[in-house]
């Protein structure tokens, strides 16, 4: 009897966690570059009521074990790194990675405190430096800050990440290439908020070499940079609402298990009267 109570409690905890993740996904449905999360479950150890018996030739057949499960636990909370839909803005500093890879950004302009992001809503600040909406510097393939010269009158960004600048006399040049870092296991990245990720030991890369992080590179598999577009959230509202209904009903069903078990225990207590 007590097993059903504990199983119901574990189920309620699991579905509450699932609802927490779904709520966060729905809240970020319009967040640029957001990647949805998902919850995976696993069963807890089963208690054996009776063991296995082997068959005996000409005497009796084998008997399988009798086991009772003890509830459910969270197996994993994954980040789904499928691409989000593209939104055209026609803003030259709005960038979208068409394929794999992440932009490299840093609060100090150094690779020592580098973060990764898929949110490409960049701007040019008063010092003519390419920065994120939170003021972090966008890094180039040399690990430095991307900045325009004082005599640059216009600029554009190619699919290869080249920042092509135009001078007053009409001459053009490309002194910077925006870095796009490829991560072998994106699911191993750690979310730190603000659309940022940090590399971990399980992302299969802790020290990213920006010198080889060239956009639109078939050798490394990095995606091309599309200027004038943003990658939106990959949250599918239809799927999230469906999962929310399933999680809600699962939570209610497990609460009913607890209520029913409590009623049966109450009947057992009343047997003494």
C-alpha atoms as a PDB file:
ATOM      1  CA  UNK A   1       0.000   0.000   0.000  1.00  0.00           C
ATOM      2  CA  UNK A   2       2.747   2.431   0.883  1.00  0.00           C
ATOM      3  CA  UNK A   3       4.465   1.643  -2.417  1.00  0.00           C
ATOM      4  CA  UNK A   4       1.556   3.156  -4.339  1.00  0.00           C
ATOM      5  CA  UNK A   5       1.780   6.311  -2.225  1.00  0.00           C
ATOM      6  CA  UNK A   6       5.474   6.782  -2.954  1.00  0.00           C
ATOM      7  CA  UNK A   7       4.959   5.944  -6.638  1.00  0.00           C
ATOM      8  CA  UNK A   8       2.252   8.592  -6.844  1.00  0.00           C
ATOM      9  CA  UNK A   9       4.488  11.168  -5.171  1.00  0.00           C
ATOM     10  CA  UNK A  10       7.349  10.432  -7.566  1.00  0.00           C
ATOM     11  CA  UNK A  11       4.955  10.724 -10.511  1.00  0.00           C
ATOM     12  CA  UNK A  12       3.664  14.093  -9.320  1.00  0.00           C
ATOM     13  CA  UNK A  13       7.218  15.365  -8.890  1.00  0.00           C
ATOM     14  CA  UNK A  14       8.168  14.172 -12.355  1.00  0.00           C
ATOM     15  CA  UNK A  15       5.179  15.727 -14.094  1.00  0.00           C
ATOM     16  CA  UNK A  16       5.651  18.949 -12.105  1.00  0.00           C
ATOM     17  CA  UNK A  17       9.184  19.162 -13.498  1.00  0.00           C
ATOM     18  CA  UNK A  18       7.830  18.508 -16.991  1.00  0.00           C
ATOM     19  CA  UNK A  19       5.300  21.313 -16.544  1.00  0.00           C
ATOM     20  CA  UNK A  20       8.113  23.617 -15.370  1.00  0.00           C
ATOM     21  CA  UNK A  21      10.080  22.922 -18.558  1.00  0.00           C
ATOM     22  CA  UNK A  22       6.995  23.330 -20.761  1.00  0.00           C
ATOM     23  CA  UNK A  23       6.173  26.626 -19.054  1.00  0.00           C
ATOM     24  CA  UNK A  24       9.685  27.902 -19.730  1.00  0.00           C
ATOM     25  CA  UNK A  25       9.424  26.844 -23.377  1.00  0.00           C
ATOM     26  CA  UNK A  26       6.117  28.649 -23.872  1.00  0.00           C
ATOM     27  CA  UNK A  27       7.420  31.757 -22.081  1.00  0.00           C
ATOM     28  CA  UNK A  28      10.324  31.904 -24.564  1.00  0.00           C
ATOM     29  CA  UNK A  29       8.294  31.277 -27.713  1.00  0.00           C
ATOM     30  CA  UNK A  30       9.392  34.678 -29.099  1.00  0.00           C
ATOM     31  CA  UNK A  31      12.930  34.687 -27.668  1.00  0.00           C
ATOM     32  CA  UNK A  32      15.554  35.063 -30.388  1.00  0.00           C
ATOM     33  CA  UNK A  33      17.723  31.965 -30.766  1.00  0.00           C
ATOM     34  CA  UNK A  34      16.024  30.110 -27.890  1.00  0.00           C
ATOM     35  CA  UNK A  35      16.251  26.310 -27.868  1.00  0.00           C
ATOM     36  CA  UNK A  36      13.429  24.353 -26.259  1.00  0.00           C
ATOM     37  CA  UNK A  37      13.972  21.882 -23.455  1.00  0.00           C
ATOM     38  CA  UNK A  38      12.408  18.466 -22.979  1.00  0.00           C
ATOM     39  CA  UNK A  39      12.075  16.090 -20.035  1.00  0.00           C
ATOM     40  CA  UNK A  40      12.782  12.367 -20.269  1.00  0.00           C
ATOM     41  CA  UNK A  41      11.674   9.874 -17.613  1.00  0.00           C
ATOM     42  CA  UNK A  42      13.025   6.568 -16.336  1.00  0.00           C
ATOM     43  CA  UNK A  43      11.608   4.024 -13.922  1.00  0.00           C
ATOM     44  CA  UNK A  44      12.989   3.633 -10.409  1.00  0.00           C
ATOM     45  CA  UNK A  45      14.332   0.295  -9.191  1.00  0.00           C
ATOM     46  CA  UNK A  46      11.749  -2.484  -8.979  1.00  0.00           C
ATOM     47  CA  UNK A  47      11.210  -4.566  -5.865  1.00  0.00           C
ATOM     48  CA  UNK A  48      11.273  -8.330  -6.443  1.00  0.00           C
ATOM     49  CA  UNK A  49       8.390 -10.164  -4.777  1.00  0.00           C
ATOM     50  CA  UNK A  50       9.546 -13.542  -6.072  1.00  0.00           C
ATOM     51  CA  UNK A  51      12.702 -14.544  -7.881  1.00  0.00           C
ATOM     52  CA  UNK A  52      13.317 -16.425 -11.101  1.00  0.00           C
ATOM     53  CA  UNK A  53      13.304 -20.219 -11.131  1.00  0.00           C
ATOM     54  CA  UNK A  54      14.999 -22.151 -13.888  1.00  0.00           C
ATOM     55  CA  UNK A  55      13.155 -24.881 -15.783  1.00  0.00           C
ATOM     56  CA  UNK A  56      13.911 -28.505 -14.960  1.00  0.00           C
ATOM     57  CA  UNK A  57      13.817 -30.940 -17.845  1.00  0.00           C
ATOM     58  CA  UNK A  58      10.884 -33.306 -17.517  1.00  0.00           C
ATOM     59  CA  UNK A  59       9.884 -31.855 -14.150  1.00  0.00           C
ATOM     60  CA  UNK A  60       8.642 -28.266 -14.350  1.00  0.00           C
ATOM     61  CA  UNK A  61       8.939 -25.153 -16.428  1.00  0.00           C
ATOM     62  CA  UNK A  62      10.712 -21.942 -15.567  1.00  0.00           C
ATOM     63  CA  UNK A  63       9.021 -19.126 -13.690  1.00  0.00           C
ATOM     64  CA  UNK A  64       9.662 -15.444 -14.331  1.00  0.00           C
ATOM     65  CA  UNK A  65      10.390 -12.971 -11.575  1.00  0.00           C
ATOM     66  CA  UNK A  66       7.579 -11.009  -9.963  1.00  0.00           C
ATOM     67  CA  UNK A  67       8.528  -7.360  -9.560  1.00  0.00           C
ATOM     68  CA  UNK A  68       6.744  -4.207  -8.450  1.00  0.00           C
ATOM     69  CA  UNK A  69       7.951  -0.845  -9.705  1.00  0.00           C
ATOM     70  CA  UNK A  70       8.679   1.900  -7.198  1.00  0.00           C
ATOM     71  CA  UNK A  71       7.857   4.964  -9.261  1.00  0.00           C
ATOM     72  CA  UNK A  72       9.485   7.278 -11.774  1.00  0.00           C
ATOM     73  CA  UNK A  73      12.466   9.640 -11.860  1.00  0.00           C
ATOM     74  CA  UNK A  74      13.844  12.274 -14.229  1.00  0.00           C
ATOM     75  CA  UNK A  75      16.222  10.661 -16.717  1.00  0.00           C
ATOM     76  CA  UNK A  76      17.340  13.823 -18.523  1.00  0.00           C
ATOM     77  CA  UNK A  77      16.373  17.411 -19.252  1.00  0.00           C
ATOM     78  CA  UNK A  78      17.708  17.961 -22.769  1.00  0.00           C
ATOM     79  CA  UNK A  79      18.085  21.049 -24.915  1.00  0.00           C
ATOM     80  CA  UNK A  80      16.714  20.495 -28.418  1.00  0.00           C
ATOM     81  CA  UNK A  81      19.112  22.189 -30.845  1.00  0.00           C
ATOM     82  CA  UNK A  82      16.962  22.086 -33.957  1.00  0.00           C
ATOM     83  CA  UNK A  83      17.023  25.317 -36.003  1.00  0.00           C
ATOM     84  CA  UNK A  84      14.341  27.903 -35.400  1.00  0.00           C
ATOM     85  CA  UNK A  85      12.403  29.709 -38.087  1.00  0.00           C
ATOM     86  CA  UNK A  86      13.954  32.659 -39.917  1.00  0.00           C
ATOM     87  CA  UNK A  87      12.583  36.177 -39.495  1.00  0.00           C
ATOM     88  CA  UNK A  88      13.580  38.780 -42.068  1.00  0.00           C
ATOM     89  CA  UNK A  89      14.386  42.192 -40.586  1.00  0.00           C
ATOM     90  CA  UNK A  90      16.589  43.741 -43.309  1.00  0.00           C
ATOM     91  CA  UNK A  91      18.782  45.145 -40.522  1.00  0.00           C
ATOM     92  CA  UNK A  92      22.422  44.645 -41.624  1.00  0.00           C
ATOM     93  CA  UNK A  93      23.613  43.776 -38.108  1.00  0.00           C
ATOM     94  CA  UNK A  94      20.913  41.118 -37.595  1.00  0.00           C
ATOM     95  CA  UNK A  95      22.612  37.809 -38.359  1.00  0.00           C
ATOM     96  CA  UNK A  96      21.357  34.240 -38.617  1.00  0.00           C
ATOM     97  CA  UNK A  97      23.468  31.086 -38.822  1.00  0.00           C
ATOM     98  CA  UNK A  98      22.052  28.881 -41.567  1.00  0.00           C
ATOM     99  CA  UNK A  99      23.278  25.534 -40.243  1.00  0.00           C
ATOM    100  CA  UNK A 100      25.457  24.418 -37.365  1.00  0.00           C
ATOM    101  CA  UNK A 101      27.556  26.633 -35.137  1.00  0.00           C
ATOM    102  CA  UNK A 102      27.377  29.438 -32.602  1.00  0.00           C
ATOM    103  CA  UNK A 103      28.473  33.060 -32.473  1.00  0.00           C
ATOM    104  CA  UNK A 104      31.328  33.676 -30.033  1.00  0.00           C
ATOM    105  CA  UNK A 105      30.828  36.634 -27.677  1.00  0.00           C
ATOM    106  CA  UNK A 106      32.690  37.972 -24.669  1.00  0.00           C
ATOM    107  CA  UNK A 107      32.025  40.687 -22.054  1.00  0.00           C
ATOM    108  CA  UNK A 108      35.689  41.756 -22.195  1.00  0.00           C
ATOM    109  CA  UNK A 109      36.558  40.995 -25.802  1.00  0.00           C
ATOM    110  CA  UNK A 110      38.801  38.103 -24.768  1.00  0.00           C
ATOM    111  CA  UNK A 111      38.486  34.374 -25.384  1.00  0.00           C
ATOM    112  CA  UNK A 112      39.222  33.768 -21.692  1.00  0.00           C
ATOM    113  CA  UNK A 113      35.586  34.502 -20.787  1.00  0.00           C
ATOM    114  CA  UNK A 114      33.911  33.528 -24.035  1.00  0.00           C
ATOM    115  CA  UNK A 115      30.296  32.454 -24.408  1.00  0.00           C
ATOM    116  CA  UNK A 116      28.346  31.005 -27.313  1.00  0.00           C
ATOM    117  CA  UNK A 117      24.988  32.149 -28.652  1.00  0.00           C
ATOM    118  CA  UNK A 118      22.592  31.646 -31.550  1.00  0.00           C
ATOM    119  CA  UNK A 119      20.965  35.045 -31.026  1.00  0.00           C
ATOM    120  CA  UNK A 120      22.287  37.331 -33.749  1.00  0.00           C
ATOM    121  CA  UNK A 121      20.525  40.600 -32.873  1.00  0.00           C
ATOM    122  CA  UNK A 122      23.727  42.627 -32.870  1.00  0.00           C
ATOM    123  CA  UNK A 123      24.285  46.377 -33.015  1.00  0.00           C
ATOM    124  CA  UNK A 124      27.156  48.803 -33.594  1.00  0.00           C
ATOM    125  CA  UNK A 125      27.936  50.866 -30.483  1.00  0.00           C
ATOM    126  CA  UNK A 126      29.320  54.399 -30.158  1.00  0.00           C
ATOM    127  CA  UNK A 127      32.871  53.090 -30.627  1.00  0.00           C
ATOM    128  CA  UNK A 128      31.769  51.388 -33.867  1.00  0.00           C
ATOM    129  CA  UNK A 129      32.165  47.930 -32.342  1.00  0.00           C
ATOM    130  CA  UNK A 130      29.851  45.010 -33.099  1.00  0.00           C
ATOM    131  CA  UNK A 131      28.139  44.061 -29.824  1.00  0.00           C
ATOM    132  CA  UNK A 132      25.179  42.054 -28.551  1.00  0.00           C
ATOM    133  CA  UNK A 133      22.021  43.590 -27.094  1.00  0.00           C
ATOM    134  CA  UNK A 134      23.634  43.199 -23.645  1.00  0.00           C
ATOM    135  CA  UNK A 135      26.868  44.924 -24.680  1.00  0.00           C
ATOM    136  CA  UNK A 136      29.035  41.834 -25.158  1.00  0.00           C
ATOM    137  CA  UNK A 137      31.621  41.953 -27.910  1.00  0.00           C
ATOM    138  CA  UNK A 138      31.202  39.736 -30.960  1.00  0.00           C
ATOM    139  CA  UNK A 139      34.506  37.979 -31.631  1.00  0.00           C
ATOM    140  CA  UNK A 140      36.250  37.431 -34.943  1.00  0.00           C
ATOM    141  CA  UNK A 141      38.281  34.426 -36.052  1.00  0.00           C
ATOM    142  CA  UNK A 142      41.369  36.006 -34.485  1.00  0.00           C
ATOM    143  CA  UNK A 143      39.683  36.099 -31.079  1.00  0.00           C
ATOM    144  CA  UNK A 144      39.415  39.881 -31.108  1.00  0.00           C
ATOM    145  CA  UNK A 145      36.762  42.579 -31.203  1.00  0.00           C
ATOM    146  CA  UNK A 146      35.089  43.460 -34.503  1.00  0.00           C
ATOM    147  CA  UNK A 147      35.263  47.231 -35.007  1.00  0.00           C
ATOM    148  CA  UNK A 148      34.829  49.570 -37.960  1.00  0.00           C
ATOM    149  CA  UNK A 149      37.470  52.139 -38.866  1.00  0.00           C
ATOM    150  CA  UNK A 150      36.737  55.843 -38.554  1.00  0.00           C
ATOM    151  CA  UNK A 151      36.856  56.305 -42.325  1.00  0.00           C
ATOM    152  CA  UNK A 152      34.456  53.428 -43.065  1.00  0.00           C
ATOM    153  CA  UNK A 153      31.260  54.838 -44.522  1.00  0.00           C
ATOM    154  CA  UNK A 154      29.324  51.593 -44.993  1.00  0.00           C
ATOM    155  CA  UNK A 155      29.620  47.885 -44.373  1.00  0.00           C
ATOM    156  CA  UNK A 156      27.990  44.575 -45.206  1.00  0.00           C
ATOM    157  CA  UNK A 157      28.430  41.008 -43.979  1.00  0.00           C
ATOM    158  CA  UNK A 158      28.858  38.118 -46.401  1.00  0.00           C
ATOM    159  CA  UNK A 159      27.743  34.505 -45.976  1.00  0.00           C
ATOM    160  CA  UNK A 160      31.366  33.645 -45.219  1.00  0.00           C
ATOM    161  CA  UNK A 161      31.298  36.030 -42.252  1.00  0.00           C
ATOM    162  CA  UNK A 162      33.472  38.702 -43.856  1.00  0.00           C
ATOM    163  CA  UNK A 163      32.748  42.243 -42.676  1.00  0.00           C
ATOM    164  CA  UNK A 164      33.133  44.100 -45.966  1.00  0.00           C
ATOM    165  CA  UNK A 165      33.706  47.805 -45.382  1.00  0.00           C
ATOM    166  CA  UNK A 166      33.511  50.687 -47.850  1.00  0.00           C
ATOM    167  CA  UNK A 167      35.662  53.822 -47.661  1.00  0.00           C
ATOM    168  CA  UNK A 168      34.702  57.325 -48.732  1.00  0.00           C
ATOM    169  CA  UNK A 169      36.655  56.892 -51.969  1.00  0.00           C
ATOM    170  CA  UNK A 170      34.705  53.729 -52.823  1.00  0.00           C
ATOM    171  CA  UNK A 171      37.418  51.194 -52.005  1.00  0.00           C
ATOM    172  CA  UNK A 172      36.353  48.066 -50.131  1.00  0.00           C
ATOM    173  CA  UNK A 173      38.092  45.686 -47.775  1.00  0.00           C
ATOM    174  CA  UNK A 174      37.456  42.836 -45.337  1.00  0.00           C
ATOM    175  CA  UNK A 175      39.608  43.049 -42.208  1.00  0.00           C
ATOM    176  CA  UNK A 176      37.348  40.957 -39.960  1.00  0.00           C
ATOM    177  CA  UNK A 177      35.662  37.569 -40.232  1.00  0.00           C
ATOM    178  CA  UNK A 178      32.913  36.795 -37.719  1.00  0.00           C
ATOM    179  CA  UNK A 179      33.663  33.539 -35.893  1.00  0.00           C
ATOM    180  CA  UNK A 180      31.146  30.682 -35.974  1.00  0.00           C
ATOM    181  CA  UNK A 181      32.198  27.953 -33.545  1.00  0.00           C
ATOM    182  CA  UNK A 182      31.171  24.340 -34.160  1.00  0.00           C
ATOM    183  CA  UNK A 183      30.401  22.232 -31.078  1.00  0.00           C
ATOM    184  CA  UNK A 184      30.392  18.427 -31.552  1.00  0.00           C
ATOM    185  CA  UNK A 185      27.794  17.900 -28.801  1.00  0.00           C
ATOM    186  CA  UNK A 186      25.572  20.993 -28.483  1.00  0.00           C
ATOM    187  CA  UNK A 187      23.358  19.192 -25.955  1.00  0.00           C
ATOM    188  CA  UNK A 188      26.338  19.192 -23.588  1.00  0.00           C
ATOM    189  CA  UNK A 189      26.462  22.996 -23.446  1.00  0.00           C
ATOM    190  CA  UNK A 190      25.392  24.724 -20.247  1.00  0.00           C
ATOM    191  CA  UNK A 191      22.722  27.429 -20.400  1.00  0.00           C
ATOM    192  CA  UNK A 192      23.772  30.502 -18.421  1.00  0.00           C
ATOM    193  CA  UNK A 193      20.900  32.850 -19.321  1.00  0.00           C
ATOM    194  CA  UNK A 194      20.709  35.751 -21.713  1.00  0.00           C
ATOM    195  CA  UNK A 195      20.671  33.392 -24.735  1.00  0.00           C
ATOM    196  CA  UNK A 196      24.220  32.347 -23.801  1.00  0.00           C
ATOM    197  CA  UNK A 197      25.876  28.953 -23.504  1.00  0.00           C
ATOM    198  CA  UNK A 198      29.077  27.841 -21.821  1.00  0.00           C
ATOM    199  CA  UNK A 199      31.175  24.893 -22.973  1.00  0.00           C
ATOM    200  CA  UNK A 200      31.515  21.914 -20.650  1.00  0.00           C
ATOM    201  CA  UNK A 201      33.499  18.699 -20.517  1.00  0.00           C
ATOM    202  CA  UNK A 202      30.546  16.886 -22.125  1.00  0.00           C
ATOM    203  CA  UNK A 203      30.177  19.293 -25.041  1.00  0.00           C
ATOM    204  CA  UNK A 204      33.252  17.505 -26.446  1.00  0.00           C
ATOM    205  CA  UNK A 205      35.133  20.790 -26.656  1.00  0.00           C
ATOM    206  CA  UNK A 206      36.225  23.077 -23.826  1.00  0.00           C
ATOM    207  CA  UNK A 207      38.755  25.268 -25.656  1.00  0.00           C
ATOM    208  CA  UNK A 208      37.391  26.450 -28.994  1.00  0.00           C
ATOM    209  CA  UNK A 209      39.933  27.412 -31.633  1.00  0.00           C
ATOM    210  CA  UNK A 210      38.437  30.513 -33.242  1.00  0.00           C
ATOM    211  CA  UNK A 211      41.128  30.482 -35.926  1.00  0.00           C
ATOM    212  CA  UNK A 212      39.376  27.492 -37.505  1.00  0.00           C
ATOM    213  CA  UNK A 213      35.854  28.717 -36.695  1.00  0.00           C
ATOM    214  CA  UNK A 214      35.144  30.083 -40.162  1.00  0.00           C
ATOM    215  CA  UNK A 215      31.503  30.373 -41.285  1.00  0.00           C
ATOM    216  CA  UNK A 216      30.224  28.408 -44.282  1.00  0.00           C
ATOM    217  CA  UNK A 217      33.177  26.011 -44.135  1.00  0.00           C
ATOM    218  CA  UNK A 218      32.478  22.530 -45.598  1.00  0.00           C
ATOM    219  CA  UNK A 219      35.548  21.147 -43.826  1.00  0.00           C
ATOM    220  CA  UNK A 220      34.213  21.913 -40.342  1.00  0.00           C
ATOM    221  CA  UNK A 221      30.501  21.901 -41.175  1.00  0.00           C
ATOM    222  CA  UNK A 222      29.770  25.417 -39.961  1.00  0.00           C
ATOM    223  CA  UNK A 223      26.724  27.194 -41.310  1.00  0.00           C
ATOM    224  CA  UNK A 224      26.626  30.290 -43.465  1.00  0.00           C
ATOM    225  CA  UNK A 225      25.799  33.713 -42.029  1.00  0.00           C
ATOM    226  CA  UNK A 226      22.664  35.336 -43.403  1.00  0.00           C
ATOM    227  CA  UNK A 227      22.577  39.087 -42.824  1.00  0.00           C
ATOM    228  CA  UNK A 228      19.251  40.842 -42.353  1.00  0.00           C
ATOM    229  CA  UNK A 229      17.638  37.817 -40.699  1.00  0.00           C
ATOM    230  CA  UNK A 230      17.226  36.450 -37.168  1.00  0.00           C
ATOM    231  CA  UNK A 231      16.744  32.904 -35.942  1.00  0.00           C
ATOM    232  CA  UNK A 232      13.643  32.736 -33.792  1.00  0.00           C
ATOM    233  CA  UNK A 233      12.788  30.243 -31.053  1.00  0.00           C
ATOM    234  CA  UNK A 234      12.362  26.609 -32.082  1.00  0.00           C
ATOM    235  CA  UNK A 235       9.433  26.175 -29.674  1.00  0.00           C
ATOM    236  CA  UNK A 236       6.406  24.555 -31.351  1.00  0.00           C
ATOM    237  CA  UNK A 237       3.342  25.826 -29.507  1.00  0.00           C
ATOM    238  CA  UNK A 238       1.124  23.020 -30.822  1.00  0.00           C
ATOM    239  CA  UNK A 239       3.502  20.394 -29.484  1.00  0.00           C
ATOM    240  CA  UNK A 240       4.000  22.233 -26.195  1.00  0.00           C
ATOM    241  CA  UNK A 241       0.271  22.541 -25.509  1.00  0.00           C
ATOM    242  CA  UNK A 242      -0.180  18.853 -26.305  1.00  0.00           C
ATOM    243  CA  UNK A 243       2.614  17.922 -23.908  1.00  0.00           C
ATOM    244  CA  UNK A 244       1.141  20.278 -21.311  1.00  0.00           C
ATOM    245  CA  UNK A 245      -2.204  18.447 -21.445  1.00  0.00           C
ATOM    246  CA  UNK A 246      -0.438  15.089 -21.104  1.00  0.00           C
ATOM    247  CA  UNK A 247       1.613  16.360 -18.156  1.00  0.00           C
ATOM    248  CA  UNK A 248      -1.447  17.875 -16.492  1.00  0.00           C
ATOM    249  CA  UNK A 249      -3.425  14.639 -16.799  1.00  0.00           C
ATOM    250  CA  UNK A 250      -0.434  12.656 -15.588  1.00  0.00           C
ATOM    251  CA  UNK A 251      -0.159  14.900 -12.537  1.00  0.00           C
ATOM    252  CA  UNK A 252      -3.878  14.514 -11.822  1.00  0.00           C
ATOM    253  CA  UNK A 253      -3.719  10.730 -12.237  1.00  0.00           C
ATOM    254  CA  UNK A 254      -0.836  10.424  -9.801  1.00  0.00           C
ATOM    255  CA  UNK A 255      -2.635  12.617  -7.284  1.00  0.00           C
ATOM    256  CA  UNK A 256      -5.630  10.288  -7.609  1.00  0.00           C
ATOM    257  CA  UNK A 257      -3.346   7.343  -6.802  1.00  0.00           C
ATOM    258  CA  UNK A 258      -2.363   9.073  -3.550  1.00  0.00           C
ATOM    259  CA  UNK A 259      -5.995   9.861  -2.719  1.00  0.00           C
ATOM    260  CA  UNK A 260      -7.132   6.299  -3.411  1.00  0.00           C
ATOM    261  CA  UNK A 261      -4.275   4.803  -1.388  1.00  0.00           C
ATOM    262  CA  UNK A 262      -5.144   7.120   1.494  1.00  0.00           C
ATOM    263  CA  UNK A 263      -8.789   6.029   1.383  1.00  0.00           C
ATOM    264  CA  UNK A 264      -7.788   2.365   1.474  1.00  0.00           C
ATOM    265  CA  UNK A 265      -5.465   3.010   4.415  1.00  0.00           C
ATOM    266  CA  UNK A 266      -8.326   4.743   6.178  1.00  0.00           C
ATOM    267  CA  UNK A 267     -10.488   1.663   5.659  1.00  0.00           C
ATOM    268  CA  UNK A 268      -7.741  -0.505   7.144  1.00  0.00           C
ATOM    269  CA  UNK A 269      -7.558   1.765  10.188  1.00  0.00           C
ATOM    270  CA  UNK A 270     -11.341   1.557  10.613  1.00  0.00           C
ATOM    271  CA  UNK A 271     -11.236  -2.256  10.722  1.00  0.00           C
ATOM    272  CA  UNK A 272     -10.339  -2.051  14.412  1.00  0.00           C
ATOM    273  CA  UNK A 273     -13.602  -0.363  15.319  1.00  0.00           C
END
